[in-house]
C-alpha atoms as a PDB file:
ATOM      1  CA  MET A   1     173.339 109.588 123.799  1.00  0.00           C
ATOM      2  CA  GLY A   2     172.322 109.832 120.153  1.00  0.00           C
ATOM      3  CA  ARG A   3     169.064 110.220 118.788  1.00  0.00           C
ATOM      4  CA  TYR A   4     166.838 107.266 117.096  1.00  0.00           C
ATOM      5  CA  PHE A   5     164.308 107.570 114.521  1.00  0.00           C
ATOM      6  CA  GLY A   6     161.602 105.360 114.492  1.00  0.00           C
ATOM      7  CA  ILE A   7     159.966 104.527 111.024  1.00  0.00           C
ATOM      8  CA  GLY A   8     157.171 101.665 111.713  1.00  0.00           C
ATOM      9  CA  ARG A   9     159.358  99.052 113.114  1.00  0.00           C
ATOM     10  CA  ARG A  10     162.312 100.079 111.905  1.00  0.00           C
ATOM     11  CA  LEU A  11     165.092 102.204 113.705  1.00  0.00           C
ATOM     12  CA  LEU A  12     168.067 104.289 112.175  1.00  0.00           C
ATOM     13  CA  LYS A  13     170.472 106.353 114.032  1.00  0.00           C
ATOM     14  CA  SER A  14     170.016 110.087 113.474  1.00  0.00           C
ATOM     15  CA  ASP A  15     171.936 111.533 110.299  1.00  0.00           C
ATOM     16  CA  PRO A  16     172.515 115.357 109.201  1.00  0.00           C
ATOM     17  CA  SER A  17     168.814 114.690 107.502  1.00  0.00           C
ATOM     18  CA  PRO A  18     166.761 112.147 109.822  1.00  0.00           C
ATOM     19  CA  PRO A  19     163.563 111.002 108.756  1.00  0.00           C
ATOM     20  CA  GLN A  20     160.561 113.185 109.512  1.00  0.00           C
ATOM     21  CA  ILE A  21     158.547 110.815 111.854  1.00  0.00           C
ATOM     22  CA  GLY A  22     160.063 109.485 114.746  1.00  0.00           C
ATOM     23  CA  ILE A  23     160.682 108.891 118.624  1.00  0.00           C
ATOM     24  CA  ASP A  24     162.674 111.444 120.314  1.00  0.00           C
ATOM     25  CA  VAL A  25     164.821 110.092 123.467  1.00  0.00           C
ATOM     26  CA  PRO A  26     163.759 112.777 126.335  1.00  0.00           C
ATOM     27  CA  THR A  27     166.322 114.544 127.888  1.00  0.00           C
ATOM     28  CA  PRO A  28     169.457 113.390 129.472  1.00  0.00           C
ATOM     29  CA  GLY A  29     169.166 111.267 132.888  1.00  0.00           C
ATOM     30  CA  SER A  30     165.678 109.912 131.338  1.00  0.00           C
ATOM     31  CA  HIS A  31     165.977 106.282 130.756  1.00  0.00           C
ATOM     32  CA  THR A  32     167.379 104.587 128.121  1.00  0.00           C
ATOM     33  CA  TYR A  33     166.358 104.288 124.892  1.00  0.00           C
ATOM     34  CA  GLY A  34     166.022 100.483 123.792  1.00  0.00           C
ATOM     35  CA  ALA A  35     163.092  97.855 122.481  1.00  0.00           C
ATOM     36  CA  SER A  36     160.910  98.391 124.854  1.00  0.00           C
ATOM     37  CA  ASP A  37     160.332 101.467 123.467  1.00  0.00           C
ATOM     38  CA  GLU A  38     160.182 100.672 120.331  1.00  0.00           C
ATOM     39  CA  LYS A  39     157.638  98.248 121.512  1.00  0.00           C
ATOM     40  CA  ARG A  40     155.389 101.216 123.168  1.00  0.00           C
ATOM     41  CA  ALA A  41     155.628 103.389 120.101  1.00  0.00           C
ATOM     42  CA  THR A  42     154.019 100.510 118.091  1.00  0.00           C
ATOM     43  CA  MET A  43     151.426 100.111 120.590  1.00  0.00           C
ATOM     44  CA  ARG A  44     150.231 102.831 122.145  1.00  0.00           C
ATOM     45  CA  LEU A  45     146.696 103.994 120.319  1.00  0.00           C
ATOM     46  CA  LEU A  46     147.731 107.914 119.845  1.00  0.00           C
ATOM     47  CA  PRO A  47     150.866 107.192 118.164  1.00  0.00           C
ATOM     48  CA  ASN A  48     149.008 105.193 115.853  1.00  0.00           C
ATOM     49  CA  LEU A  49     146.727 107.554 114.842  1.00  0.00           C
ATOM     50  CA  LEU A  50     149.181 110.756 114.499  1.00  0.00           C
ATOM     51  CA  SER A  51     151.408 109.015 112.662  1.00  0.00           C
ATOM     52  CA  ARG A  52     148.714 109.174 109.989  1.00  0.00           C
ATOM     53  CA  PHE A  53     147.069 112.255 111.025  1.00  0.00           C
ATOM     54  CA  VAL A  54     150.022 114.910 111.049  1.00  0.00           C
ATOM     55  CA  LYS A  55     152.169 115.054 107.893  1.00  0.00           C
ATOM     56  CA  ASN A  56     152.643 118.996 107.461  1.00  0.00           C
ATOM     57  CA  GLY A  57     154.356 120.698 110.098  1.00  0.00           C
ATOM     58  CA  ARG A  58     155.016 118.893 113.134  1.00  0.00           C
ATOM     59  CA  LEU A  59     153.829 117.843 116.179  1.00  0.00           C
ATOM     60  CA  THR A  60     155.579 116.594 119.482  1.00  0.00           C
ATOM     61  CA  VAL A  61     153.868 114.538 121.615  1.00  0.00           C
ATOM     62  CA  ILE A  62     155.215 114.250 125.763  1.00  0.00           C
ATOM     63  CA  PHE A  63     153.522 111.640 127.624  1.00  0.00           C
ATOM     64  CA  GLU A  64     152.754 111.391 131.325  1.00  0.00           C
ATOM     65  CA  ASP A  65     155.976 108.949 131.411  1.00  0.00           C
ATOM     66  CA  GLY A  66     157.748 111.720 129.862  1.00  0.00           C
ATOM     67  CA  PHE A  67     158.240 109.706 126.526  1.00  0.00           C
ATOM     68  CA  ARG A  68     158.440 111.875 123.809  1.00  0.00           C
ATOM     69  CA  GLN A  69     157.942 111.198 119.985  1.00  0.00           C
ATOM     70  CA  ALA A  70     157.527 113.918 117.084  1.00  0.00           C
ATOM     71  CA  PHE A  71     155.257 113.429 114.177  1.00  0.00           C
ATOM     72  CA  GLY A  72     155.271 115.365 110.541  1.00  0.00           C
ATOM     73  CA  SER A  73     157.556 116.722 108.382  1.00  0.00           C
ATOM     74  CA  GLY A  74     158.516 119.528 110.118  1.00  0.00           C
ATOM     75  CA  GLN A  75     157.342 121.810 106.883  1.00  0.00           C
ATOM     76  CA  ASP A  76     154.334 123.773 105.662  1.00  0.00           C
ATOM     77  CA  GLY A  77     152.711 124.035 109.074  1.00  0.00           C
ATOM     78  CA  PRO A  78     153.431 125.104 112.988  1.00  0.00           C
ATOM     79  CA  ASP A  79     155.969 123.561 114.867  1.00  0.00           C
ATOM     80  CA  VAL A  80     153.717 122.721 117.976  1.00  0.00           C
ATOM     81  CA  THR A  81     154.731 120.582 121.261  1.00  0.00           C
ATOM     82  CA  ILE A  82     151.908 119.007 123.670  1.00  0.00           C
ATOM     83  CA  ARG A  83     152.132 117.567 127.181  1.00  0.00           C
ATOM     84  CA  LEU A  84     149.705 114.779 128.500  1.00  0.00           C
ATOM     85  CA  THR A  85     149.223 114.811 131.593  1.00  0.00           C
ATOM     86  CA  ASP A  86     147.744 111.306 132.411  1.00  0.00           C
ATOM     87  CA  LYS A  87     147.388 108.211 130.637  1.00  0.00           C
ATOM     88  CA  ALA A  88     143.552 108.413 130.331  1.00  0.00           C
ATOM     89  CA  VAL A  89     143.428 111.875 128.177  1.00  0.00           C
ATOM     90  CA  GLU A  90     145.515 109.524 125.481  1.00  0.00           C
ATOM     91  CA  ARG A  91     142.589 107.103 125.262  1.00  0.00           C
ATOM     92  CA  GLU A  92     140.161 109.672 125.449  1.00  0.00           C
ATOM     93  CA  ILE A  93     142.031 112.086 122.880  1.00  0.00           C
ATOM     94  CA  PHE A  94     142.465 108.730 120.230  1.00  0.00           C
ATOM     95  CA  PHE A  95     138.732 108.068 120.287  1.00  0.00           C
ATOM     96  CA  ASN A  96     137.408 111.124 119.761  1.00  0.00           C
ATOM     97  CA  PRO A  97     140.501 113.756 119.007  1.00  0.00           C
ATOM     98  CA  GLU A  98     138.261 116.843 117.725  1.00  0.00           C
ATOM     99  CA  LEU A  99     136.300 117.115 120.937  1.00  0.00           C
ATOM    100  CA  LYS A 100     137.867 115.251 123.549  1.00  0.00           C
ATOM    101  CA  ALA A 101     142.142 116.953 122.966  1.00  0.00           C
ATOM    102  CA  ALA A 102     140.071 120.553 122.998  1.00  0.00           C
ATOM    103  CA  GLU A 103     138.152 119.120 126.601  1.00  0.00           C
ATOM    104  CA  ALA A 104     141.175 118.069 127.544  1.00  0.00           C
ATOM    105  CA  TYR A 105     143.179 121.650 127.399  1.00  0.00           C
ATOM    106  CA  MET A 106     140.769 123.303 129.096  1.00  0.00           C
ATOM    107  CA  ASP A 107     140.628 120.899 131.719  1.00  0.00           C
ATOM    108  CA  GLY A 108     144.836 121.052 131.759  1.00  0.00           C
ATOM    109  CA  ARG A 109     145.291 117.834 130.781  1.00  0.00           C
ATOM    110  CA  LEU A 110     146.627 118.632 127.651  1.00  0.00           C
ATOM    111  CA  VAL A 111     149.353 121.363 128.109  1.00  0.00           C
ATOM    112  CA  ILE A 112     150.987 123.338 125.181  1.00  0.00           C
ATOM    113  CA  GLU A 113     154.814 123.778 125.866  1.00  0.00           C
ATOM    114  CA  ASN A 114     157.572 126.047 124.852  1.00  0.00           C
ATOM    115  CA  GLY A 115     155.239 129.239 124.737  1.00  0.00           C
ATOM    116  CA  GLY A 116     153.002 127.797 121.858  1.00  0.00           C
ATOM    117  CA  LYS A 117     149.424 128.890 122.175  1.00  0.00           C
ATOM    118  CA  ALA A 118     145.930 127.012 121.400  1.00  0.00           C
ATOM    119  CA  PHE A 119     146.194 129.235 117.812  1.00  0.00           C
ATOM    120  CA  ASP A 120     148.861 127.079 116.677  1.00  0.00           C
ATOM    121  CA  LEU A 121     147.638 123.739 117.882  1.00  0.00           C
ATOM    122  CA  LEU A 122     144.564 124.605 115.886  1.00  0.00           C
ATOM    123  CA  SER A 123     146.303 125.800 113.036  1.00  0.00           C
ATOM    124  CA  LEU A 124     148.227 122.515 113.183  1.00  0.00           C
ATOM    125  CA  PHE A 125     145.147 120.941 112.936  1.00  0.00           C
ATOM    126  CA  SER A 126     144.165 122.876 110.218  1.00  0.00           C
ATOM    127  CA  VAL A 127     146.811 122.304 107.885  1.00  0.00           C
ATOM    128  CA  ASN A 128     145.739 118.487 108.389  1.00  0.00           C
ATOM    129  CA  ARG A 129     142.581 117.833 109.104  1.00  0.00           C
ATOM    130  CA  THR A 130     141.680 115.882 106.149  1.00  0.00           C
ATOM    131  CA  GLY A 131     144.198 112.867 107.101  1.00  0.00           C
ATOM    132  CA  LEU A 132     142.196 112.744 110.470  1.00  0.00           C
ATOM    133  CA  ALA A 133     139.728 110.564 108.912  1.00  0.00           C
ATOM    134  CA  ALA A 134     142.035 108.004 107.326  1.00  0.00           C
ATOM    135  CA  HIS A 135     142.776 106.138 110.288  1.00  0.00           C
ATOM    136  CA  PRO A 136     140.514 102.967 110.310  1.00  0.00           C
ATOM    137  CA  VAL A 137     139.078 103.644 113.555  1.00  0.00           C
ATOM    138  CA  GLN A 138     138.640 106.968 112.645  1.00  0.00           C
ATOM    139  CA  LYS A 139     137.045 105.965 109.515  1.00  0.00           C
ATOM    140  CA  ALA A 140     134.627 103.239 111.256  1.00  0.00           C
ATOM    141  CA  LEU A 141     133.689 105.729 114.309  1.00  0.00           C
ATOM    142  CA  ARG A 142     132.547 108.023 111.846  1.00  0.00           C
ATOM    143  CA  LYS A 143     130.603 105.612 110.025  1.00  0.00           C
ATOM    144  CA  VAL A 144     128.705 105.193 113.371  1.00  0.00           C
ATOM    145  CA  TRP A 145     128.162 108.762 113.870  1.00  0.00           C
ATOM    146  CA  ARG A 146     126.744 109.187 110.564  1.00  0.00           C
ATOM    147  CA  ALA A 147     124.302 106.818 110.884  1.00  0.00           C
ATOM    148  CA  LEU A 148     123.259 108.305 114.101  1.00  0.00           C
ATOM    149  CA  ARG A 149     123.283 111.762 112.676  1.00  0.00           C
ATOM    150  CA  ARG A 150     119.608 112.209 111.643  1.00  0.00           C
ATOM    151  CA  ARG A 151     118.471 110.960 115.132  1.00  0.00           C
ATOM    152  CA  GLN A 152     120.924 113.457 116.832  1.00  0.00           C
ATOM    153  CA  GLN A 153     119.557 116.434 114.763  1.00  0.00           C
ATOM    154  CA  ASN A 154     116.204 115.410 115.302  1.00  0.00           C
ATOM    155  CA  ASN A 155     115.880 118.569 116.352  1.00  0.00           C
ATOM    156  CA  LYS A 156     111.789 118.892 116.278  1.00  0.00           C
ATOM    157  CA  LEU A 157     108.995 121.224 117.456  1.00  0.00           C
ATOM    158  CA  GLY A 158     109.609 121.204 121.363  1.00  0.00           C
ATOM    159  CA  LEU A 159     112.593 119.698 121.579  1.00  0.00           C
ATOM    160  CA  ALA A 160     114.412 122.425 119.803  1.00  0.00           C
ATOM    161  CA  ALA A 161     113.241 125.232 121.949  1.00  0.00           C
ATOM    162  CA  LYS A 162     115.138 122.626 125.174  1.00  0.00           C
ATOM    163  CA  ASN A 163     118.357 122.934 123.534  1.00  0.00           C
ATOM    164  CA  VAL A 164     117.895 125.940 122.775  1.00  0.00           C
ATOM    165  CA  GLN A 165     117.505 127.442 126.298  1.00  0.00           C
ATOM    166  CA  HIS A 166     119.950 124.956 127.739  1.00  0.00           C
ATOM    167  CA  HIS A 167     122.497 126.400 126.160  1.00  0.00           C
ATOM    168  CA  TYR A 168     121.246 129.937 126.073  1.00  0.00           C
ATOM    169  CA  ASP A 169     118.894 130.516 129.165  1.00  0.00           C
ATOM    170  CA  ILE A 170     121.649 130.862 131.950  1.00  0.00           C
ATOM    171  CA  PRO A 171     122.134 134.304 132.962  1.00  0.00           C
ATOM    172  CA  THR A 172     123.087 137.198 130.614  1.00  0.00           C
ATOM    173  CA  LYS A 173     126.088 138.338 132.652  1.00  0.00           C
ATOM    174  CA  PHE A 174     128.279 134.597 132.064  1.00  0.00           C
ATOM    175  CA  TYR A 175     127.789 135.786 127.970  1.00  0.00           C
ATOM    176  CA  GLU A 176     129.039 139.572 129.137  1.00  0.00           C
ATOM    177  CA  LEU A 177     132.058 138.078 130.166  1.00  0.00           C
ATOM    178  CA  TRP A 178     133.539 137.356 126.750  1.00  0.00           C
ATOM    179  CA  LEU A 179     131.046 138.777 124.110  1.00  0.00           C
ATOM    180  CA  ASP A 180     131.642 142.370 122.868  1.00  0.00           C
ATOM    181  CA  GLU A 181     128.956 145.491 124.230  1.00  0.00           C
ATOM    182  CA  THR A 182     126.794 144.420 121.198  1.00  0.00           C
ATOM    183  CA  MET A 183     126.204 140.608 122.585  1.00  0.00           C
ATOM    184  CA  THR A 184     126.865 139.166 119.002  1.00  0.00           C
ATOM    185  CA  TYR A 185     127.025 135.784 119.178  1.00  0.00           C
ATOM    186  CA  SER A 186     128.128 134.711 115.443  1.00  0.00           C
ATOM    187  CA  CYS A 187     131.495 135.652 113.433  1.00  0.00           C
ATOM    188  CA  ALA A 188     132.759 138.826 113.089  1.00  0.00           C
ATOM    189  CA  TYR A 189     133.910 140.811 110.035  1.00  0.00           C
ATOM    190  CA  TYR A 190     136.841 142.501 110.189  1.00  0.00           C
ATOM    191  CA  THR A 191     137.979 144.885 107.259  1.00  0.00           C
ATOM    192  CA  ALA A 192     140.971 145.560 108.684  1.00  0.00           C
ATOM    193  CA  PRO A 193     143.368 142.964 110.922  1.00  0.00           C
ATOM    194  CA  ASP A 194     143.519 145.706 113.380  1.00  0.00           C
ATOM    195  CA  ASN A 195     139.785 146.223 113.985  1.00  0.00           C
ATOM    196  CA  ASN A 196     138.502 145.284 117.983  1.00  0.00           C
ATOM    197  CA  LEU A 197     135.934 142.699 117.944  1.00  0.00           C
ATOM    198  CA  LEU A 198     133.392 145.548 118.447  1.00  0.00           C
ATOM    199  CA  GLN A 199     134.192 147.171 115.010  1.00  0.00           C
ATOM    200  CA  ALA A 200     134.169 144.179 113.586  1.00  0.00           C
ATOM    201  CA  GLN A 201     130.637 143.029 115.026  1.00  0.00           C
ATOM    202  CA  MET A 202     129.177 146.516 114.156  1.00  0.00           C
ATOM    203  CA  ASP A 203     131.030 146.194 110.863  1.00  0.00           C
ATOM    204  CA  LYS A 204     129.280 142.641 109.810  1.00  0.00           C
ATOM    205  CA  HIS A 205     125.562 144.566 110.886  1.00  0.00           C
ATOM    206  CA  ARG A 206     126.497 146.840 108.486  1.00  0.00           C
ATOM    207  CA  HIS A 207     127.526 145.080 105.989  1.00  0.00           C
ATOM    208  CA  ILE A 208     123.928 142.587 106.421  1.00  0.00           C
ATOM    209  CA  ALA A 209     122.053 145.586 106.565  1.00  0.00           C
ATOM    210  CA  ALA A 210     123.564 146.902 103.121  1.00  0.00           C
ATOM    211  CA  LYS A 211     122.869 143.149 101.378  1.00  0.00           C
ATOM    212  CA  LEU A 212     119.612 143.306 102.657  1.00  0.00           C
ATOM    213  CA  LYS A 213     118.678 146.832 100.672  1.00  0.00           C
ATOM    214  CA  LEU A 214     116.439 147.957 102.848  1.00  0.00           C
ATOM    215  CA  GLU A 215     114.197 150.694 102.918  1.00  0.00           C
ATOM    216  CA  PRO A 216     112.261 152.722 105.177  1.00  0.00           C
ATOM    217  CA  GLY A 217     109.313 151.596 105.922  1.00  0.00           C
ATOM    218  CA  MET A 218     110.226 147.809 105.084  1.00  0.00           C
ATOM    219  CA  HIS A 219     109.076 144.884 107.230  1.00  0.00           C
ATOM    220  CA  VAL A 220     112.109 142.600 108.128  1.00  0.00           C
ATOM    221  CA  MET A 221     111.928 139.058 110.292  1.00  0.00           C
ATOM    222  CA  GLU A 222     114.672 137.664 111.728  1.00  0.00           C
ATOM    223  CA  ILE A 223     115.059 133.643 112.413  1.00  0.00           C
ATOM    224  CA  GLY A 224     117.113 133.685 115.608  1.00  0.00           C
ATOM    225  CA  SER A 225     117.001 136.919 117.325  1.00  0.00           C
ATOM    226  CA  GLY A 226     119.680 136.166 120.076  1.00  0.00           C
ATOM    227  CA  TRP A 227     119.898 139.167 122.116  1.00  0.00           C
ATOM    228  CA  GLY A 228     118.744 141.174 119.935  1.00  0.00           C
ATOM    229  CA  THR A 229     121.426 143.500 118.513  1.00  0.00           C
ATOM    230  CA  LEU A 230     120.876 142.973 114.390  1.00  0.00           C
ATOM    231  CA  ALA A 231     116.762 143.857 115.093  1.00  0.00           C
ATOM    232  CA  ILE A 232     117.940 146.810 117.308  1.00  0.00           C
ATOM    233  CA  TYR A 233     120.650 148.111 114.278  1.00  0.00           C
ATOM    234  CA  LEU A 234     117.961 147.572 111.292  1.00  0.00           C
ATOM    235  CA  ALA A 235     115.466 149.517 113.339  1.00  0.00           C
ATOM    236  CA  LYS A 236     117.512 152.392 114.389  1.00  0.00           C
ATOM    237  CA  TYR A 237     119.563 152.964 111.068  1.00  0.00           C
ATOM    238  CA  CYS A 238     117.761 151.546 108.311  1.00  0.00           C
ATOM    239  CA  ASP A 239     114.356 152.944 109.754  1.00  0.00           C
ATOM    240  CA  VAL A 240     112.427 149.535 109.319  1.00  0.00           C
ATOM    241  CA  LYS A 241     109.822 147.043 111.693  1.00  0.00           C
ATOM    242  CA  VAL A 242     111.415 143.833 112.543  1.00  0.00           C
ATOM    243  CA  THR A 243     109.748 140.979 114.199  1.00  0.00           C
ATOM    244  CA  ALA A 244     112.338 138.911 115.955  1.00  0.00           C
ATOM    245  CA  ILE A 245     111.698 135.171 116.967  1.00  0.00           C
ATOM    246  CA  ASN A 246     113.771 133.297 119.458  1.00  0.00           C
ATOM    247  CA  VAL A 247     112.677 130.315 121.689  1.00  0.00           C
ATOM    248  CA  SER A 248     115.254 131.348 124.577  1.00  0.00           C
ATOM    249  CA  THR A 249     113.046 133.029 127.288  1.00  0.00           C
ATOM    250  CA  GLU A 250     116.187 134.608 128.502  1.00  0.00           C
ATOM    251  CA  GLN A 251     117.556 136.341 125.720  1.00  0.00           C
ATOM    252  CA  LEU A 252     114.409 137.592 124.772  1.00  0.00           C
ATOM    253  CA  ALA A 253     114.027 139.269 128.172  1.00  0.00           C
ATOM    254  CA  ALA A 254     117.125 140.880 127.526  1.00  0.00           C
ATOM    255  CA  SER A 255     116.387 142.041 124.133  1.00  0.00           C
ATOM    256  CA  ARG A 256     113.787 143.873 125.069  1.00  0.00           C
ATOM    257  CA  LEU A 257     115.447 145.797 127.670  1.00  0.00           C
ATOM    258  CA  ARG A 258     118.325 146.795 125.246  1.00  0.00           C
ATOM    259  CA  ALA A 259     115.542 147.460 122.704  1.00  0.00           C
ATOM    260  CA  ILE A 260     114.200 150.276 125.130  1.00  0.00           C
ATOM    261  CA  GLU A 261     117.406 151.769 126.034  1.00  0.00           C
ATOM    262  CA  ALA A 262     118.209 151.952 122.134  1.00  0.00           C
ATOM    263  CA  GLY A 263     115.000 153.739 122.074  1.00  0.00           C
ATOM    264  CA  VAL A 264     113.589 151.400 119.166  1.00  0.00           C
ATOM    265  CA  ALA A 265     110.930 149.260 121.355  1.00  0.00           C
ATOM    266  CA  HIS A 266     107.983 150.365 119.334  1.00  0.00           C
ATOM    267  CA  GLN A 267     109.876 149.164 115.763  1.00  0.00           C
ATOM    268  CA  ILE A 268     110.040 145.870 117.042  1.00  0.00           C
ATOM    269  CA  ASP A 269     107.941 142.449 117.837  1.00  0.00           C
ATOM    270  CA  PHE A 270     109.946 139.531 120.097  1.00  0.00           C
ATOM    271  CA  ARG A 271     108.532 136.873 119.806  1.00  0.00           C
ATOM    272  CA  GLU A 272     109.062 133.199 121.353  1.00  0.00           C
ATOM    273  CA  VAL A 273     108.347 131.211 118.933  1.00  0.00           C
ATOM    274  CA  ASP A 274     109.627 128.355 116.468  1.00  0.00           C
ATOM    275  CA  TYR A 275     110.470 129.131 113.272  1.00  0.00           C
ATOM    276  CA  ARG A 276     107.893 126.460 112.267  1.00  0.00           C
ATOM    277  CA  GLU A 277     105.319 127.995 113.497  1.00  0.00           C
ATOM    278  CA  VAL A 278     105.546 131.675 112.099  1.00  0.00           C
ATOM    279  CA  SER A 279     102.950 132.977 109.964  1.00  0.00           C
ATOM    280  CA  GLY A 280     102.914 136.350 107.713  1.00  0.00           C
ATOM    281  CA  GLN A 281     105.031 137.667 105.302  1.00  0.00           C
ATOM    282  CA  PHE A 282     107.694 139.843 105.121  1.00  0.00           C
ATOM    283  CA  ASP A 283     109.934 142.205 102.890  1.00  0.00           C
ATOM    284  CA  ARG A 284     113.473 140.472 103.827  1.00  0.00           C
ATOM    285  CA  VAL A 285     113.859 137.708 105.806  1.00  0.00           C
ATOM    286  CA  VAL A 286     117.226 137.566 107.683  1.00  0.00           C
ATOM    287  CA  SER A 287     118.826 134.507 109.711  1.00  0.00           C
ATOM    288  CA  ILE A 288     122.268 134.890 111.255  1.00  0.00           C
ATOM    289  CA  GLY A 289     123.955 131.843 112.533  1.00  0.00           C
ATOM    290  CA  MET A 290     121.099 130.120 113.030  1.00  0.00           C
ATOM    291  CA  MET A 291     120.694 127.258 110.707  1.00  0.00           C
ATOM    292  CA  GLU A 292     123.686 125.317 112.521  1.00  0.00           C
ATOM    293  CA  HIS A 293     121.333 124.948 114.931  1.00  0.00           C
ATOM    294  CA  VAL A 294     118.156 123.762 112.771  1.00  0.00           C
ATOM    295  CA  GLY A 295     119.538 120.101 112.126  1.00  0.00           C
ATOM    296  CA  VAL A 296     120.739 118.441 108.625  1.00  0.00           C
ATOM    297  CA  VAL A 297     117.142 116.452 108.703  1.00  0.00           C
ATOM    298  CA  HIS A 298     115.290 119.936 108.776  1.00  0.00           C
ATOM    299  CA  PHE A 299     116.989 122.023 106.221  1.00  0.00           C
ATOM    300  CA  ASP A 300     114.196 121.420 104.296  1.00  0.00           C
ATOM    301  CA  SER A 301     111.859 122.503 106.471  1.00  0.00           C
ATOM    302  CA  TYR A 302     114.031 125.597 107.292  1.00  0.00           C
ATOM    303  CA  PHE A 303     114.496 127.320 103.743  1.00  0.00           C
ATOM    304  CA  THR A 304     110.599 126.327 102.972  1.00  0.00           C
ATOM    305  CA  THR A 305     109.759 128.544 105.527  1.00  0.00           C
ATOM    306  CA  ILE A 306     111.756 131.045 104.877  1.00  0.00           C
ATOM    307  CA  GLY A 307     110.339 131.097 101.043  1.00  0.00           C
ATOM    308  CA  ARG A 308     107.041 131.161 102.629  1.00  0.00           C
ATOM    309  CA  LEU A 309     107.538 134.153 104.843  1.00  0.00           C
ATOM    310  CA  LEU A 310     108.924 136.392 101.969  1.00  0.00           C
ATOM    311  CA  LYS A 311     106.301 138.879  99.843  1.00  0.00           C
ATOM    312  CA  GLU A 312     106.823 138.628  96.037  1.00  0.00           C
ATOM    313  CA  GLY A 313     110.030 140.188  95.116  1.00  0.00           C
ATOM    314  CA  GLY A 314     111.137 139.836  98.377  1.00  0.00           C
ATOM    315  CA  PHE A 315     114.458 137.989  99.701  1.00  0.00           C
ATOM    316  CA  ALA A 316     116.312 136.364 102.393  1.00  0.00           C
ATOM    317  CA  LEU A 317     119.984 136.567 103.688  1.00  0.00           C
ATOM    318  CA  VAL A 318     121.240 133.622 105.812  1.00  0.00           C
ATOM    319  CA  HIS A 319     124.449 133.432 107.711  1.00  0.00           C
ATOM    320  CA  ALA A 320     126.320 130.258 108.379  1.00  0.00           C
ATOM    321  CA  ILE A 321     129.529 129.051 109.669  1.00  0.00           C
ATOM    322  CA  GLY A 322     130.779 126.653 106.744  1.00  0.00           C
ATOM    323  CA  ARG A 323     133.957 124.848 105.290  1.00  0.00           C
ATOM    324  CA  MET A 324     136.792 125.226 102.615  1.00  0.00           C
ATOM    325  CA  SER A 325     136.295 120.841 102.432  1.00  0.00           C
ATOM    326  CA  PRO A 326     134.384 119.111 100.362  1.00  0.00           C
ATOM    327  CA  PRO A 327     130.392 118.976 101.493  1.00  0.00           C
ATOM    328  CA  GLY A 328     129.826 116.251 104.355  1.00  0.00           C
ATOM    329  CA  ARG A 329     127.334 113.563 104.051  1.00  0.00           C
ATOM    330  CA  LEU A 330     123.633 114.574 105.139  1.00  0.00           C
ATOM    331  CA  CYS A 331     123.015 111.066 106.722  1.00  0.00           C
END
């Protein structure tokens, strides 16, 4: 049985240089390719999206009925094969690919075949990401999401604490299962590719301390202190006082215990308070992995607060996850 590749609605028999995007008949013994397969390929929602989205590398999708289709050039990106285990997941991924593909993978409804890893699928997504919004349905959905963003990110006083507590106020032992020993829940800093996670996180704390240009006796405000690791590091190795704020009761309780164990509890004041309610002035302000939780509509308040908390001649260091693509819309 030969192979046939579909481009739009036109079918061509394969030659030594087959087209880039096509329909691949499954293994011998499966159904024979025919007009019904062409109709199925053009009517299915997900192939319609992937044919516009995947240009670099190659993504081969095996649907729940054994139907198989490949997308992409096979160049400038990884070659990944996935299998979808039910019909519903195809529709779910079509309408919200960035969220539902990840959830389907965790639930075992999207399976990466041929020894591939989740990293391979993420890499394929990364080299094709800009094409996702080109699909008309995705474009329309993104307009709706942007219109709702201000409401979704209205992280006002009181609500902000509830959101944080929903995420963090569960037993710390859960996070201990997958974080490093420092309990640092933000990006690591790898000075060498072979470093383990603990070393990378300690190197990040050292790097932050160096950028802050701290001197003994300075007073530092930390906005969003997590499990207290940075505050403890700065107090212990830079001999500074730290006021560390957080709205997670569970994290603060663990932080205070860890500060006692490190012998620096007298140098750190852990407070359960929203950043907008903090008063006083400090030599330095540091905020690691907090900006992502603020909400776009509260950026002005966040940075105004940071400026208000700084003494004359002081400065702040803000660490946040960014992206290399053009800025997104703020509303």
